[in-house]
């Protein structure tokens, strides 16, 4: 289990614990202020992107020190963890509200509204989290207009997530001052600021799933469709064997590769069962 399961899940998958979505966590003044500032100032992501670019040009020891400081802070404030579609379905099974909203990252990186983010809450109609966002005067949220929000049933949301997988998007669950979980996003390396920070710049704000992918060589036909949707560069093609292989040290366990495998040659194994990567998060 990852450190978040120990800290926030009593040794179980922390993001499957209903208490981490509880409305009463939003009574914390610091958390409410953090959420308001985060969504009301999307320009802070552009500032962070500029900082990452400058950091990438710094000496190695400076990058390591700064990266460690940022990661420790984000573990307390706003971090994400990858999860497969099965775990998304479990979350949708116990939350009482799912609201699709514009993605703040895409607003910055592609300059337009793209709805890949989903607010999740224990309260109906989006609960207190939704009420808090409604009160923000932000271009990201379409100003005071509630049309920026789409409330979905669990079935509708899960179907959307399955479609996002076909696009190669990776599901991630997000905290707003840990352990409160307020949303699930669908990320890619080109447009998601968190994935870019983690994978491209080695500043970890997004952590690996509780799983790791595995290819059955007896079933794989080497079509390489899975390679086209892997956001982490964890899949390679063996010209000698005519098969795809997984670099499990690079795999984040999202399971997106399975969605395009017509032979069902790819499965997810619990990370704890694979000694080489059991402690890689």
C-alpha atoms as a PDB file:
ATOM      1  CA  UNK A   1       0.000   0.000   0.000  1.00  0.00           C
ATOM      2  CA  UNK A   2       1.115   3.550  -0.666  1.00  0.00           C
ATOM      3  CA  UNK A   3       1.821   6.080   2.073  1.00  0.00           C
ATOM      4  CA  UNK A   4      -1.558   7.731   1.485  1.00  0.00           C
ATOM      5  CA  UNK A   5      -3.342   4.473   2.286  1.00  0.00           C
ATOM      6  CA  UNK A   6      -1.455   4.307   5.563  1.00  0.00           C
ATOM      7  CA  UNK A   7      -2.045   7.953   6.439  1.00  0.00           C
ATOM      8  CA  UNK A   8      -5.602   8.391   5.199  1.00  0.00           C
ATOM      9  CA  UNK A   9      -7.017   4.907   4.642  1.00  0.00           C
ATOM     10  CA  UNK A  10      -6.028   2.851   7.691  1.00  0.00           C
ATOM     11  CA  UNK A  11      -4.121   0.473   5.450  1.00  0.00           C
ATOM     12  CA  UNK A  12      -6.817   0.268   2.775  1.00  0.00           C
ATOM     13  CA  UNK A  13      -7.134   2.165  -0.485  1.00  0.00           C
ATOM     14  CA  UNK A  14      -7.498   5.676   0.838  1.00  0.00           C
ATOM     15  CA  UNK A  15      -9.514   6.972  -2.114  1.00  0.00           C
ATOM     16  CA  UNK A  16     -12.189   4.304  -1.526  1.00  0.00           C
ATOM     17  CA  UNK A  17     -12.871   5.569   1.997  1.00  0.00           C
ATOM     18  CA  UNK A  18     -16.069   7.641   2.080  1.00  0.00           C
ATOM     19  CA  UNK A  19     -14.744   9.673   5.011  1.00  0.00           C
ATOM     20  CA  UNK A  20     -12.247  11.376   2.681  1.00  0.00           C
ATOM     21  CA  UNK A  21     -15.143  12.863   0.681  1.00  0.00           C
ATOM     22  CA  UNK A  22     -17.111  13.983   3.755  1.00  0.00           C
ATOM     23  CA  UNK A  23     -18.883  17.334   3.663  1.00  0.00           C
ATOM     24  CA  UNK A  24     -17.697  18.226   7.160  1.00  0.00           C
ATOM     25  CA  UNK A  25     -14.103  18.443   5.899  1.00  0.00           C
ATOM     26  CA  UNK A  26     -15.159  21.592   4.054  1.00  0.00           C
ATOM     27  CA  UNK A  27     -15.815  23.347   7.348  1.00  0.00           C
ATOM     28  CA  UNK A  28     -12.046  23.789   7.618  1.00  0.00           C
ATOM     29  CA  UNK A  29     -11.310  27.439   6.841  1.00  0.00           C
ATOM     30  CA  UNK A  30      -7.862  26.763   5.399  1.00  0.00           C
ATOM     31  CA  UNK A  31      -9.240  24.154   3.008  1.00  0.00           C
ATOM     32  CA  UNK A  32     -12.048  26.415   1.803  1.00  0.00           C
ATOM     33  CA  UNK A  33      -9.586  29.251   1.212  1.00  0.00           C
ATOM     34  CA  UNK A  34      -7.260  26.926  -0.707  1.00  0.00           C
ATOM     35  CA  UNK A  35     -10.094  25.730  -2.970  1.00  0.00           C
ATOM     36  CA  UNK A  36     -11.302  29.274  -3.608  1.00  0.00           C
ATOM     37  CA  UNK A  37      -7.821  30.520  -4.478  1.00  0.00           C
ATOM     38  CA  UNK A  38      -7.090  27.498  -6.669  1.00  0.00           C
ATOM     39  CA  UNK A  39     -10.134  27.896  -8.902  1.00  0.00           C
ATOM     40  CA  UNK A  40     -10.414  31.688  -8.811  1.00  0.00           C
ATOM     41  CA  UNK A  41      -6.840  32.173 -10.048  1.00  0.00           C
ATOM     42  CA  UNK A  42      -6.180  29.823 -12.999  1.00  0.00           C
ATOM     43  CA  UNK A  43      -3.256  32.049 -13.957  1.00  0.00           C
ATOM     44  CA  UNK A  44      -1.289  30.525 -11.086  1.00  0.00           C
ATOM     45  CA  UNK A  45      -0.859  27.425 -13.259  1.00  0.00           C
ATOM     46  CA  UNK A  46       0.854  29.492 -15.940  1.00  0.00           C
ATOM     47  CA  UNK A  47       3.176  30.853 -13.279  1.00  0.00           C
ATOM     48  CA  UNK A  48       3.921  27.323 -12.091  1.00  0.00           C
ATOM     49  CA  UNK A  49       4.620  26.229 -15.669  1.00  0.00           C
ATOM     50  CA  UNK A  50       7.143  29.024 -16.082  1.00  0.00           C
ATOM     51  CA  UNK A  51       8.820  27.999 -12.830  1.00  0.00           C
ATOM     52  CA  UNK A  52       9.093  24.390 -14.018  1.00  0.00           C
ATOM     53  CA  UNK A  53      10.711  25.531 -17.257  1.00  0.00           C
ATOM     54  CA  UNK A  54      13.281  27.574 -15.334  1.00  0.00           C
ATOM     55  CA  UNK A  55      13.863  24.702 -12.913  1.00  0.00           C
ATOM     56  CA  UNK A  56      14.612  22.299 -15.770  1.00  0.00           C
ATOM     57  CA  UNK A  57      17.596  24.506 -16.689  1.00  0.00           C
ATOM     58  CA  UNK A  58      19.005  24.599 -13.155  1.00  0.00           C
ATOM     59  CA  UNK A  59      21.881  22.402 -11.914  1.00  0.00           C
ATOM     60  CA  UNK A  60      20.935  18.874 -10.915  1.00  0.00           C
ATOM     61  CA  UNK A  61      21.311  19.331  -7.159  1.00  0.00           C
ATOM     62  CA  UNK A  62      19.078  22.421  -7.286  1.00  0.00           C
ATOM     63  CA  UNK A  63      16.400  20.486  -9.189  1.00  0.00           C
ATOM     64  CA  UNK A  64      16.484  17.665  -6.643  1.00  0.00           C
ATOM     65  CA  UNK A  65      16.184  19.990  -3.665  1.00  0.00           C
ATOM     66  CA  UNK A  66      13.393  22.087  -5.150  1.00  0.00           C
ATOM     67  CA  UNK A  67      11.541  19.003  -6.379  1.00  0.00           C
ATOM     68  CA  UNK A  68      11.620  17.482  -2.903  1.00  0.00           C
ATOM     69  CA  UNK A  69      10.295  20.667  -1.316  1.00  0.00           C
ATOM     70  CA  UNK A  70       7.461  20.985  -3.850  1.00  0.00           C
ATOM     71  CA  UNK A  71       6.456  17.327  -3.517  1.00  0.00           C
ATOM     72  CA  UNK A  72       6.292  17.503   0.278  1.00  0.00           C
ATOM     73  CA  UNK A  73       4.102  20.601   0.085  1.00  0.00           C
ATOM     74  CA  UNK A  74       1.805  19.119  -2.540  1.00  0.00           C
ATOM     75  CA  UNK A  75       1.288  15.946  -0.514  1.00  0.00           C
ATOM     76  CA  UNK A  76      -0.361  18.183   2.062  1.00  0.00           C
ATOM     77  CA  UNK A  77      -2.227  20.511  -0.297  1.00  0.00           C
ATOM     78  CA  UNK A  78      -3.062  19.160  -3.741  1.00  0.00           C
ATOM     79  CA  UNK A  79      -1.793  15.860  -5.054  1.00  0.00           C
ATOM     80  CA  UNK A  80      -3.195  13.241  -7.370  1.00  0.00           C
ATOM     81  CA  UNK A  81      -3.028   9.485  -7.659  1.00  0.00           C
ATOM     82  CA  UNK A  82      -3.633   7.380 -10.739  1.00  0.00           C
ATOM     83  CA  UNK A  83      -6.442   4.841 -10.570  1.00  0.00           C
ATOM     84  CA  UNK A  84      -7.979   2.391 -13.055  1.00  0.00           C
ATOM     85  CA  UNK A  85     -11.558   2.390 -14.287  1.00  0.00           C
ATOM     86  CA  UNK A  86     -12.607  -0.303 -11.794  1.00  0.00           C
ATOM     87  CA  UNK A  87     -11.708   1.926  -8.866  1.00  0.00           C
ATOM     88  CA  UNK A  88     -13.418   4.902 -10.502  1.00  0.00           C
ATOM     89  CA  UNK A  89     -16.566   2.772 -10.673  1.00  0.00           C
ATOM     90  CA  UNK A  90     -16.283   1.979  -6.950  1.00  0.00           C
ATOM     91  CA  UNK A  91     -16.035   5.673  -6.112  1.00  0.00           C
ATOM     92  CA  UNK A  92     -19.056   6.453  -8.277  1.00  0.00           C
ATOM     93  CA  UNK A  93     -20.901   3.766  -6.359  1.00  0.00           C
ATOM     94  CA  UNK A  94     -20.784   5.564  -2.998  1.00  0.00           C
ATOM     95  CA  UNK A  95     -20.638   9.295  -3.800  1.00  0.00           C
ATOM     96  CA  UNK A  96     -23.979  11.063  -4.082  1.00  0.00           C
ATOM     97  CA  UNK A  97     -23.100  13.590  -6.751  1.00  0.00           C
ATOM     98  CA  UNK A  98     -20.949  13.724  -9.900  1.00  0.00           C
ATOM     99  CA  UNK A  99     -20.616  17.076 -11.667  1.00  0.00           C
ATOM    100  CA  UNK A 100     -18.624  17.561 -14.874  1.00  0.00           C
ATOM    101  CA  UNK A 101     -16.771  20.875 -14.983  1.00  0.00           C
ATOM    102  CA  UNK A 102     -14.282  22.608 -17.296  1.00  0.00           C
ATOM    103  CA  UNK A 103     -10.676  21.502 -16.779  1.00  0.00           C
ATOM    104  CA  UNK A 104      -8.556  24.295 -15.338  1.00  0.00           C
ATOM    105  CA  UNK A 105      -5.366  22.799 -16.810  1.00  0.00           C
ATOM    106  CA  UNK A 106      -6.741  22.763 -20.348  1.00  0.00           C
ATOM    107  CA  UNK A 107      -7.986  26.308 -19.942  1.00  0.00           C
ATOM    108  CA  UNK A 108      -4.346  27.292 -19.484  1.00  0.00           C
ATOM    109  CA  UNK A 109      -2.570  24.871 -21.845  1.00  0.00           C
ATOM    110  CA  UNK A 110      -4.932  24.824 -24.840  1.00  0.00           C
ATOM    111  CA  UNK A 111      -6.774  28.078 -24.164  1.00  0.00           C
ATOM    112  CA  UNK A 112     -10.328  26.789 -24.307  1.00  0.00           C
ATOM    113  CA  UNK A 113     -12.938  24.980 -22.268  1.00  0.00           C
ATOM    114  CA  UNK A 114     -12.564  21.197 -22.234  1.00  0.00           C
ATOM    115  CA  UNK A 115     -14.658  19.156 -19.794  1.00  0.00           C
ATOM    116  CA  UNK A 116     -12.414  16.376 -18.568  1.00  0.00           C
ATOM    117  CA  UNK A 117     -12.790  17.070 -14.836  1.00  0.00           C
ATOM    118  CA  UNK A 118     -15.490  15.695 -12.542  1.00  0.00           C
ATOM    119  CA  UNK A 119     -16.363  17.046  -9.127  1.00  0.00           C
ATOM    120  CA  UNK A 120     -17.478  14.312  -6.737  1.00  0.00           C
ATOM    121  CA  UNK A 121     -19.299  14.805  -3.466  1.00  0.00           C
ATOM    122  CA  UNK A 122     -21.229  13.034  -0.742  1.00  0.00           C
ATOM    123  CA  UNK A 123     -23.915  15.740  -0.768  1.00  0.00           C
ATOM    124  CA  UNK A 124     -26.606  15.753  -3.481  1.00  0.00           C
ATOM    125  CA  UNK A 125     -26.351  18.286  -6.289  1.00  0.00           C
ATOM    126  CA  UNK A 126     -22.623  18.622  -5.816  1.00  0.00           C
ATOM    127  CA  UNK A 127     -22.899  19.293  -2.103  1.00  0.00           C
ATOM    128  CA  UNK A 128     -20.892  21.922  -0.278  1.00  0.00           C
ATOM    129  CA  UNK A 129     -17.998  21.654  -2.754  1.00  0.00           C
ATOM    130  CA  UNK A 130     -20.311  22.605  -5.629  1.00  0.00           C
ATOM    131  CA  UNK A 131     -21.780  25.478  -3.600  1.00  0.00           C
ATOM    132  CA  UNK A 132     -18.292  26.782  -2.915  1.00  0.00           C
ATOM    133  CA  UNK A 133     -17.380  26.734  -6.623  1.00  0.00           C
ATOM    134  CA  UNK A 134     -20.668  28.374  -7.582  1.00  0.00           C
ATOM    135  CA  UNK A 135     -19.740  31.375  -5.482  1.00  0.00           C
ATOM    136  CA  UNK A 136     -16.560  32.057  -7.459  1.00  0.00           C
ATOM    137  CA  UNK A 137     -16.440  34.730 -10.153  1.00  0.00           C
ATOM    138  CA  UNK A 138     -14.023  32.924 -12.447  1.00  0.00           C
ATOM    139  CA  UNK A 139     -13.731  32.705 -16.216  1.00  0.00           C
ATOM    140  CA  UNK A 140     -12.750  29.073 -15.710  1.00  0.00           C
ATOM    141  CA  UNK A 141     -16.190  28.370 -14.294  1.00  0.00           C
ATOM    142  CA  UNK A 142     -18.033  30.581 -16.749  1.00  0.00           C
ATOM    143  CA  UNK A 143     -18.581  33.336 -14.213  1.00  0.00           C
ATOM    144  CA  UNK A 144     -21.728  33.111 -12.096  1.00  0.00           C
ATOM    145  CA  UNK A 145     -23.519  30.992 -14.701  1.00  0.00           C
ATOM    146  CA  UNK A 146     -24.292  27.485 -13.429  1.00  0.00           C
ATOM    147  CA  UNK A 147     -24.214  26.174 -17.011  1.00  0.00           C
ATOM    148  CA  UNK A 148     -20.528  25.499 -16.404  1.00  0.00           C
ATOM    149  CA  UNK A 149     -21.655  22.451 -14.409  1.00  0.00           C
ATOM    150  CA  UNK A 150     -23.285  19.269 -15.695  1.00  0.00           C
ATOM    151  CA  UNK A 151     -24.659  16.854 -13.128  1.00  0.00           C
ATOM    152  CA  UNK A 152     -24.356  13.243 -14.302  1.00  0.00           C
ATOM    153  CA  UNK A 153     -25.615   9.905 -13.064  1.00  0.00           C
ATOM    154  CA  UNK A 154     -22.973   7.355 -12.070  1.00  0.00           C
ATOM    155  CA  UNK A 155     -23.778   5.379 -15.232  1.00  0.00           C
ATOM    156  CA  UNK A 156     -23.377   8.425 -17.481  1.00  0.00           C
ATOM    157  CA  UNK A 157     -20.126   9.411 -15.795  1.00  0.00           C
ATOM    158  CA  UNK A 158     -18.659   5.911 -16.037  1.00  0.00           C
ATOM    159  CA  UNK A 159     -19.508   5.761 -19.739  1.00  0.00           C
ATOM    160  CA  UNK A 160     -17.735   9.095 -20.228  1.00  0.00           C
ATOM    161  CA  UNK A 161     -14.662   7.746 -18.442  1.00  0.00           C
ATOM    162  CA  UNK A 162     -14.628   4.668 -20.685  1.00  0.00           C
ATOM    163  CA  UNK A 163     -14.695   7.017 -23.689  1.00  0.00           C
ATOM    164  CA  UNK A 164     -11.864   9.091 -22.189  1.00  0.00           C
ATOM    165  CA  UNK A 165      -9.803   5.890 -21.983  1.00  0.00           C
ATOM    166  CA  UNK A 166     -10.237   5.373 -25.710  1.00  0.00           C
ATOM    167  CA  UNK A 167      -8.685   8.829 -26.118  1.00  0.00           C
ATOM    168  CA  UNK A 168      -5.722   7.667 -24.040  1.00  0.00           C
ATOM    169  CA  UNK A 169      -6.592   9.743 -20.985  1.00  0.00           C
ATOM    170  CA  UNK A 170      -5.457   8.573 -17.568  1.00  0.00           C
ATOM    171  CA  UNK A 171      -7.810   8.791 -14.550  1.00  0.00           C
ATOM    172  CA  UNK A 172      -6.531  10.561 -11.450  1.00  0.00           C
ATOM    173  CA  UNK A 173      -8.119  11.373  -8.097  1.00  0.00           C
ATOM    174  CA  UNK A 174      -7.265  14.735  -6.455  1.00  0.00           C
ATOM    175  CA  UNK A 175      -7.087  16.189  -2.969  1.00  0.00           C
ATOM    176  CA  UNK A 176      -7.799  19.744  -1.870  1.00  0.00           C
ATOM    177  CA  UNK A 177      -5.762  19.862   1.340  1.00  0.00           C
ATOM    178  CA  UNK A 178      -5.386  16.180   2.185  1.00  0.00           C
ATOM    179  CA  UNK A 179      -7.226  14.011   2.879  1.00  0.00           C
ATOM    180  CA  UNK A 180     -10.285  15.702   1.313  1.00  0.00           C
ATOM    181  CA  UNK A 181     -10.956  14.434  -2.213  1.00  0.00           C
ATOM    182  CA  UNK A 182     -12.962  16.743  -4.448  1.00  0.00           C
ATOM    183  CA  UNK A 183     -12.481  15.513  -7.976  1.00  0.00           C
ATOM    184  CA  UNK A 184     -11.383  12.989 -10.562  1.00  0.00           C
ATOM    185  CA  UNK A 185      -9.664  14.224 -13.692  1.00  0.00           C
ATOM    186  CA  UNK A 186      -8.640  12.648 -16.998  1.00  0.00           C
ATOM    187  CA  UNK A 187      -5.077  13.541 -17.808  1.00  0.00           C
ATOM    188  CA  UNK A 188      -2.602  13.419 -20.645  1.00  0.00           C
ATOM    189  CA  UNK A 189       1.025  14.351 -20.828  1.00  0.00           C
ATOM    190  CA  UNK A 190       0.656  17.206 -23.291  1.00  0.00           C
ATOM    191  CA  UNK A 191      -2.144  19.184 -21.639  1.00  0.00           C
ATOM    192  CA  UNK A 192      -2.218  18.221 -17.948  1.00  0.00           C
ATOM    193  CA  UNK A 193       0.027  20.434 -15.853  1.00  0.00           C
ATOM    194  CA  UNK A 194       0.353  17.850 -13.066  1.00  0.00           C
ATOM    195  CA  UNK A 195       1.336  15.028 -15.392  1.00  0.00           C
ATOM    196  CA  UNK A 196       3.774  17.315 -17.174  1.00  0.00           C
ATOM    197  CA  UNK A 197       5.346  18.296 -13.856  1.00  0.00           C
ATOM    198  CA  UNK A 198       5.598  14.683 -12.716  1.00  0.00           C
ATOM    199  CA  UNK A 199       6.671  12.863 -15.857  1.00  0.00           C
ATOM    200  CA  UNK A 200       8.506  15.533 -17.841  1.00  0.00           C
ATOM    201  CA  UNK A 201      10.087  17.602 -15.082  1.00  0.00           C
ATOM    202  CA  UNK A 202      10.371  14.940 -12.359  1.00  0.00           C
ATOM    203  CA  UNK A 203       8.524  17.075  -9.812  1.00  0.00           C
ATOM    204  CA  UNK A 204       6.103  14.565  -8.341  1.00  0.00           C
ATOM    205  CA  UNK A 205       2.598  15.824  -7.723  1.00  0.00           C
ATOM    206  CA  UNK A 206       0.895  12.778  -9.263  1.00  0.00           C
ATOM    207  CA  UNK A 207       1.587   9.317  -7.895  1.00  0.00           C
ATOM    208  CA  UNK A 208       1.409   5.797  -9.282  1.00  0.00           C
ATOM    209  CA  UNK A 209      -1.641   3.565  -8.942  1.00  0.00           C
ATOM    210  CA  UNK A 210      -1.916   0.570  -6.653  1.00  0.00           C
ATOM    211  CA  UNK A 211      -1.398  -1.557  -9.758  1.00  0.00           C
ATOM    212  CA  UNK A 212       1.053  -2.286 -12.532  1.00  0.00           C
ATOM    213  CA  UNK A 213       0.371  -3.561 -16.061  1.00  0.00           C
ATOM    214  CA  UNK A 214       1.383  -6.978 -17.315  1.00  0.00           C
ATOM    215  CA  UNK A 215       1.266  -8.374 -20.880  1.00  0.00           C
ATOM    216  CA  UNK A 216       0.550 -12.044 -21.543  1.00  0.00           C
ATOM    217  CA  UNK A 217       3.014 -12.964 -24.312  1.00  0.00           C
ATOM    218  CA  UNK A 218       0.916 -15.985 -25.299  1.00  0.00           C
ATOM    219  CA  UNK A 219      -2.028 -13.713 -26.137  1.00  0.00           C
ATOM    220  CA  UNK A 220      -0.324 -10.555 -27.439  1.00  0.00           C
ATOM    221  CA  UNK A 221      -0.118 -10.360 -31.246  1.00  0.00           C
ATOM    222  CA  UNK A 222       2.148  -7.307 -31.336  1.00  0.00           C
ATOM    223  CA  UNK A 223      -0.368  -4.896 -32.873  1.00  0.00           C
ATOM    224  CA  UNK A 224       1.070  -2.062 -30.739  1.00  0.00           C
ATOM    225  CA  UNK A 225      -2.286  -0.314 -30.286  1.00  0.00           C
ATOM    226  CA  UNK A 226      -1.547  -0.109 -26.566  1.00  0.00           C
ATOM    227  CA  UNK A 227       1.657   1.810 -27.182  1.00  0.00           C
ATOM    228  CA  UNK A 228      -0.252   4.651 -28.800  1.00  0.00           C
ATOM    229  CA  UNK A 229      -2.256   5.403 -25.660  1.00  0.00           C
ATOM    230  CA  UNK A 230       0.412   4.976 -22.962  1.00  0.00           C
ATOM    231  CA  UNK A 231       1.086   8.397 -21.441  1.00  0.00           C
ATOM    232  CA  UNK A 232       4.131   7.188 -19.508  1.00  0.00           C
ATOM    233  CA  UNK A 233       6.283   5.518 -22.178  1.00  0.00           C
ATOM    234  CA  UNK A 234       6.034   2.230 -20.293  1.00  0.00           C
ATOM    235  CA  UNK A 235       5.364  -0.001 -23.316  1.00  0.00           C
ATOM    236  CA  UNK A 236       7.896  -1.192 -25.861  1.00  0.00           C
ATOM    237  CA  UNK A 237       7.855  -3.497 -28.855  1.00  0.00           C
ATOM    238  CA  UNK A 238      10.178  -6.482 -29.141  1.00  0.00           C
ATOM    239  CA  UNK A 239      11.086  -6.867 -32.809  1.00  0.00           C
ATOM    240  CA  UNK A 240      12.532 -10.303 -32.108  1.00  0.00           C
ATOM    241  CA  UNK A 241       9.458 -11.687 -30.341  1.00  0.00           C
ATOM    242  CA  UNK A 242       6.877  -9.562 -32.171  1.00  0.00           C
ATOM    243  CA  UNK A 243       5.310  -8.769 -28.800  1.00  0.00           C
ATOM    244  CA  UNK A 244       4.742  -5.728 -26.604  1.00  0.00           C
ATOM    245  CA  UNK A 245       6.502  -5.694 -23.238  1.00  0.00           C
ATOM    246  CA  UNK A 246       5.922  -3.523 -20.141  1.00  0.00           C
ATOM    247  CA  UNK A 247       8.643  -1.560 -18.426  1.00  0.00           C
ATOM    248  CA  UNK A 248       7.062  -1.909 -15.007  1.00  0.00           C
ATOM    249  CA  UNK A 249       9.420   0.650 -13.480  1.00  0.00           C
ATOM    250  CA  UNK A 250       7.854   3.261 -15.777  1.00  0.00           C
ATOM    251  CA  UNK A 251       4.266   1.991 -15.543  1.00  0.00           C
ATOM    252  CA  UNK A 252       1.793   4.055 -13.490  1.00  0.00           C
ATOM    253  CA  UNK A 253      -0.853   1.318 -13.490  1.00  0.00           C
ATOM    254  CA  UNK A 254      -3.622   3.359 -15.112  1.00  0.00           C
ATOM    255  CA  UNK A 255      -4.877   0.424 -17.188  1.00  0.00           C
ATOM    256  CA  UNK A 256      -5.682   2.590 -20.192  1.00  0.00           C
ATOM    257  CA  UNK A 257      -3.649   0.253 -22.417  1.00  0.00           C
ATOM    258  CA  UNK A 258      -6.250  -2.473 -21.794  1.00  0.00           C
ATOM    259  CA  UNK A 259      -9.027  -0.431 -23.364  1.00  0.00           C
ATOM    260  CA  UNK A 260      -7.533  -0.669 -26.858  1.00  0.00           C
ATOM    261  CA  UNK A 261      -6.250  -4.246 -26.679  1.00  0.00           C
ATOM    262  CA  UNK A 262      -8.608  -6.336 -28.790  1.00  0.00           C
ATOM    263  CA  UNK A 263      -6.998  -9.563 -27.544  1.00  0.00           C
ATOM    264  CA  UNK A 264      -7.351  -8.792 -23.811  1.00  0.00           C
ATOM    265  CA  UNK A 265      -3.654  -9.495 -23.469  1.00  0.00           C
ATOM    266  CA  UNK A 266      -3.068  -6.872 -20.772  1.00  0.00           C
ATOM    267  CA  UNK A 267      -4.029  -7.135 -17.120  1.00  0.00           C
ATOM    268  CA  UNK A 268      -3.323  -5.151 -13.972  1.00  0.00           C
ATOM    269  CA  UNK A 269      -1.574  -6.740 -11.009  1.00  0.00           C
ATOM    270  CA  UNK A 270      -1.508  -5.273  -7.498  1.00  0.00           C
ATOM    271  CA  UNK A 271       1.738  -3.341  -7.212  1.00  0.00           C
ATOM    272  CA  UNK A 272       2.490  -5.024  -3.884  1.00  0.00           C
ATOM    273  CA  UNK A 273       2.740  -8.389  -5.676  1.00  0.00           C
ATOM    274  CA  UNK A 274       5.544  -7.216  -7.983  1.00  0.00           C
ATOM    275  CA  UNK A 275       8.696  -6.912  -5.833  1.00  0.00           C
ATOM    276  CA  UNK A 276      10.636  -4.819  -8.372  1.00  0.00           C
ATOM    277  CA  UNK A 277       8.092  -1.960  -8.196  1.00  0.00           C
ATOM    278  CA  UNK A 278       6.239  -2.608  -4.931  1.00  0.00           C
ATOM    279  CA  UNK A 279       7.698   0.517  -3.352  1.00  0.00           C
ATOM    280  CA  UNK A 280       7.669   2.745  -6.422  1.00  0.00           C
ATOM    281  CA  UNK A 281       5.024   5.449  -6.188  1.00  0.00           C
END
